[in-house]
Amino acid sequence: MKMNPWNVGVLVLATMAALVAAPCFADKERPKADLSEVRDRAESMPADLRRDTDKRIAITVERVNQEARDRGQTTMTARLAAEFKVTEPSLLEDKAEYGLSWGELTMAHTLIANSPAGLALVDLVQLRREGLGWGAIAFGLQFHMGDFEDMIKAEGRVAMGLSKSAAPK
């Protein structure tokens, strides 16, 4: 069968659209993670440690958000996509779908990149919607709090354009 250039173009665009959409469907259809252990450990975090950790994390979140307001979404998208090895469109889609700020996306991707638990963004958003702070989630994932805060500060500096990535993820 001979195809004219118009049909070839349509076929190429349809194939490209299917390939681009495929990862989205795969992520949405993945089995839900069992968050009960993470949740139980998070809820056992001492209240004073939780309060102090959340205060320090909130500072970094706000600084990243301020940088996004100052420099613009395009700059922030490019920085975070490069840092966390995700595409810019997928980062923008996650931001819109889950209603996260740039600072919160930085916290979530830091946890995902450094946790052996294999959680996805949807899992972290679920824990946040249940009322757990980023510090409690990290505690639930068995991060050492000092190390976690160091990671957050380092990723915050990258997001703000103050430093380059220290190590490949």
Protein backbone atom coordinates (compact mmCIF):
# COMPACT_ATOMS: atom_id res chain seq x y z
CA MET A 1 0.00 0.00 0.00
CA LYS A 2 1.38 3.39 -0.98
CA MET A 3 0.96 6.16 1.59
CA ASN A 4 0.95 9.82 0.74
CA PRO A 5 3.10 12.23 2.81
CA TRP A 6 0.07 13.45 4.76
CA ASN A 7 -0.79 9.93 5.97
CA VAL A 8 2.85 9.25 6.86
CA GLY A 9 2.95 12.44 8.91
CA VAL A 10 -0.25 11.53 10.75
CA LEU A 11 1.07 8.04 11.43
CA VAL A 12 4.37 9.41 12.79
CA LEU A 13 2.55 11.88 15.04
CA ALA A 14 0.19 9.19 16.33
CA THR A 15 3.11 6.87 17.07
CA MET A 16 5.02 9.62 18.86
CA ALA A 17 1.94 10.53 20.92
CA ALA A 18 1.51 6.89 21.95
CA LEU A 19 5.15 6.61 22.97
CA VAL A 20 5.01 9.81 25.01
CA ALA A 21 1.79 8.77 26.73
CA ALA A 22 2.93 5.24 27.54
CA PRO A 23 5.02 6.08 30.63
CA CYS A 24 2.10 8.03 32.09
CA PHE A 25 -0.26 5.06 31.85
CA ALA A 26 2.36 2.68 33.24
CA ASP A 27 2.90 4.88 36.31
CA LYS A 28 -0.82 5.33 36.96
CA GLU A 29 -1.45 1.58 36.71
CA ARG A 30 1.35 0.47 38.97
CA PRO A 31 0.23 -1.34 42.13
CA LYS A 32 -0.31 0.82 45.17
CA ALA A 33 2.57 0.70 47.62
CA ASP A 34 1.91 -0.55 51.14
CA LEU A 35 2.43 2.63 53.12
CA SER A 36 1.42 1.18 56.49
CA GLU A 37 4.98 0.63 57.77
CA VAL A 38 6.10 4.08 56.64
CA ARG A 39 3.00 5.62 58.22
CA ASP A 40 3.48 3.73 61.52
CA ARG A 41 7.14 4.77 61.82
CA ALA A 42 6.31 8.35 60.83
CA GLU A 43 3.65 8.58 63.51
CA SER A 44 6.15 7.35 66.10
CA MET A 45 8.48 10.31 65.46
CA PRO A 46 8.91 12.32 68.67
CA ALA A 47 6.77 15.48 68.53
CA ASP A 48 9.63 17.88 69.34
CA LEU A 49 11.86 16.36 66.64
CA ARG A 50 8.98 16.54 64.16
CA ARG A 51 8.27 20.19 64.98
CA ASP A 52 11.93 21.24 64.77
CA THR A 53 12.58 19.30 61.56
CA ASP A 54 9.46 20.65 59.88
CA LYS A 55 10.47 24.22 60.74
CA ARG A 56 13.87 23.79 59.10
CA ILE A 57 12.39 22.06 56.06
CA ALA A 58 9.79 24.83 55.70
CA ILE A 59 12.61 27.37 55.39
CA THR A 60 14.13 25.50 52.44
CA VAL A 61 10.72 24.97 50.83
CA GLU A 62 9.97 28.69 51.05
CA ARG A 63 13.39 29.66 49.68
CA VAL A 64 12.90 27.38 46.68
CA ASN A 65 9.39 28.78 46.14
CA GLN A 66 10.74 32.33 46.34
CA GLU A 67 13.41 31.50 43.77
CA ALA A 68 10.70 30.14 41.47
CA ARG A 69 8.72 33.36 41.86
CA ASP A 70 11.85 35.46 41.24
CA ARG A 71 13.34 33.51 38.31
CA GLY A 72 10.24 31.95 36.82
CA GLN A 73 8.79 28.53 36.23
CA THR A 74 10.92 27.80 33.17
CA THR A 75 14.18 28.20 35.07
CA MET A 76 12.96 26.14 38.03
CA THR A 77 11.61 23.40 35.77
CA ALA A 78 14.92 23.11 33.94
CA ARG A 79 16.95 22.98 37.16
CA LEU A 80 14.83 20.34 38.86
CA ALA A 81 14.38 18.21 35.76
CA ALA A 82 18.16 18.10 35.27
CA GLU A 83 18.81 17.43 38.95
CA PHE A 84 16.31 14.62 39.34
CA LYS A 85 16.72 13.13 35.84
CA VAL A 86 13.09 13.62 34.80
CA THR A 87 11.67 15.39 31.79
CA GLU A 88 10.49 18.95 32.05
CA PRO A 89 6.98 18.07 30.78
CA SER A 90 6.61 15.28 33.36
CA LEU A 91 7.72 17.61 36.15
CA LEU A 92 5.18 20.25 35.08
CA GLU A 93 2.49 17.56 34.83
CA ASP A 94 3.28 16.32 38.36
CA LYS A 95 3.21 19.86 39.72
CA ALA A 96 -0.20 20.51 38.18
CA GLU A 97 -1.69 17.10 38.95
CA TYR A 98 -0.71 17.01 42.62
CA GLY A 99 -0.85 20.74 43.36
CA LEU A 100 2.66 20.84 44.81
CA SER A 101 4.83 23.91 45.05
CA TRP A 102 8.36 23.90 43.61
CA GLY A 103 9.75 23.50 47.12
CA GLU A 104 7.48 20.54 47.81
CA LEU A 105 8.46 18.94 44.50
CA THR A 106 12.10 19.35 45.54
CA MET A 107 11.38 17.58 48.87
CA ALA A 108 9.43 14.78 47.19
CA HIS A 109 12.02 14.10 44.50
CA THR A 110 14.81 14.21 47.08
CA LEU A 111 13.02 11.47 49.03
CA ILE A 112 12.34 9.43 45.89
CA ALA A 113 15.94 9.73 44.68
CA ASN A 114 17.45 8.73 48.02
CA SER A 115 15.03 6.13 49.36
CA PRO A 116 15.44 2.43 48.71
CA ALA A 117 11.71 1.97 49.47
CA GLY A 118 10.68 2.43 45.83
CA LEU A 119 7.89 4.88 46.55
CA ALA A 120 6.48 7.05 43.80
CA LEU A 121 5.34 10.65 43.93
CA VAL A 122 1.71 9.53 44.26
CA ASP A 123 2.65 7.65 47.47
CA LEU A 124 4.34 10.68 49.01
CA VAL A 125 1.40 12.91 48.08
CA GLN A 126 -0.93 10.41 49.77
CA LEU A 127 1.12 10.57 52.99
CA ARG A 128 1.13 14.38 52.84
CA ARG A 129 -2.65 14.43 52.37
CA GLU A 130 -2.93 12.28 55.48
CA GLY A 131 -1.23 15.09 57.39
CA LEU A 132 2.37 13.86 57.58
CA GLY A 133 5.12 16.42 57.12
CA TRP A 134 8.21 15.86 55.00
CA GLY A 135 10.29 15.20 58.12
CA ALA A 136 7.87 12.57 59.41
CA ILE A 137 7.80 10.88 56.01
CA ALA A 138 11.62 10.80 55.95
CA PHE A 139 11.58 9.39 59.48
CA GLY A 140 9.05 6.79 58.33
CA LEU A 141 11.39 5.88 55.47
CA GLN A 142 14.17 5.39 58.06
CA PHE A 143 16.30 8.35 57.02
CA HIS A 144 18.72 9.63 59.62
CA MET A 145 17.30 13.10 60.28
CA GLY A 146 20.66 14.88 60.12
CA ASP A 147 21.45 13.28 56.76
CA PHE A 148 17.98 14.08 55.46
CA GLU A 149 18.28 17.73 56.41
CA ASP A 150 21.69 17.90 54.73
CA MET A 151 20.17 16.39 51.56
CA ILE A 152 17.30 18.89 51.65
CA LYS A 153 19.65 21.83 52.06
CA ALA A 154 21.88 20.59 49.21
CA GLU A 155 18.95 20.02 46.86
CA GLY A 156 17.50 23.38 47.85
CA ARG A 157 20.78 25.06 46.86
CA VAL A 158 20.68 23.29 43.49
CA ALA A 159 17.04 24.32 42.98
CA MET A 160 17.95 27.93 43.81
CA GLY A 161 20.86 27.87 41.38
CA LEU A 162 23.42 28.33 44.15
CA SER A 163 25.28 25.09 43.45
CA LYS A 164 25.54 22.25 40.98
CA SER A 165 24.58 18.67 41.67
CA ALA A 166 27.14 17.00 43.90
CA ALA A 167 26.70 13.47 42.63
CA PRO A 168 24.76 11.65 39.95
CA LYS A 169 21.51 10.09 41.14
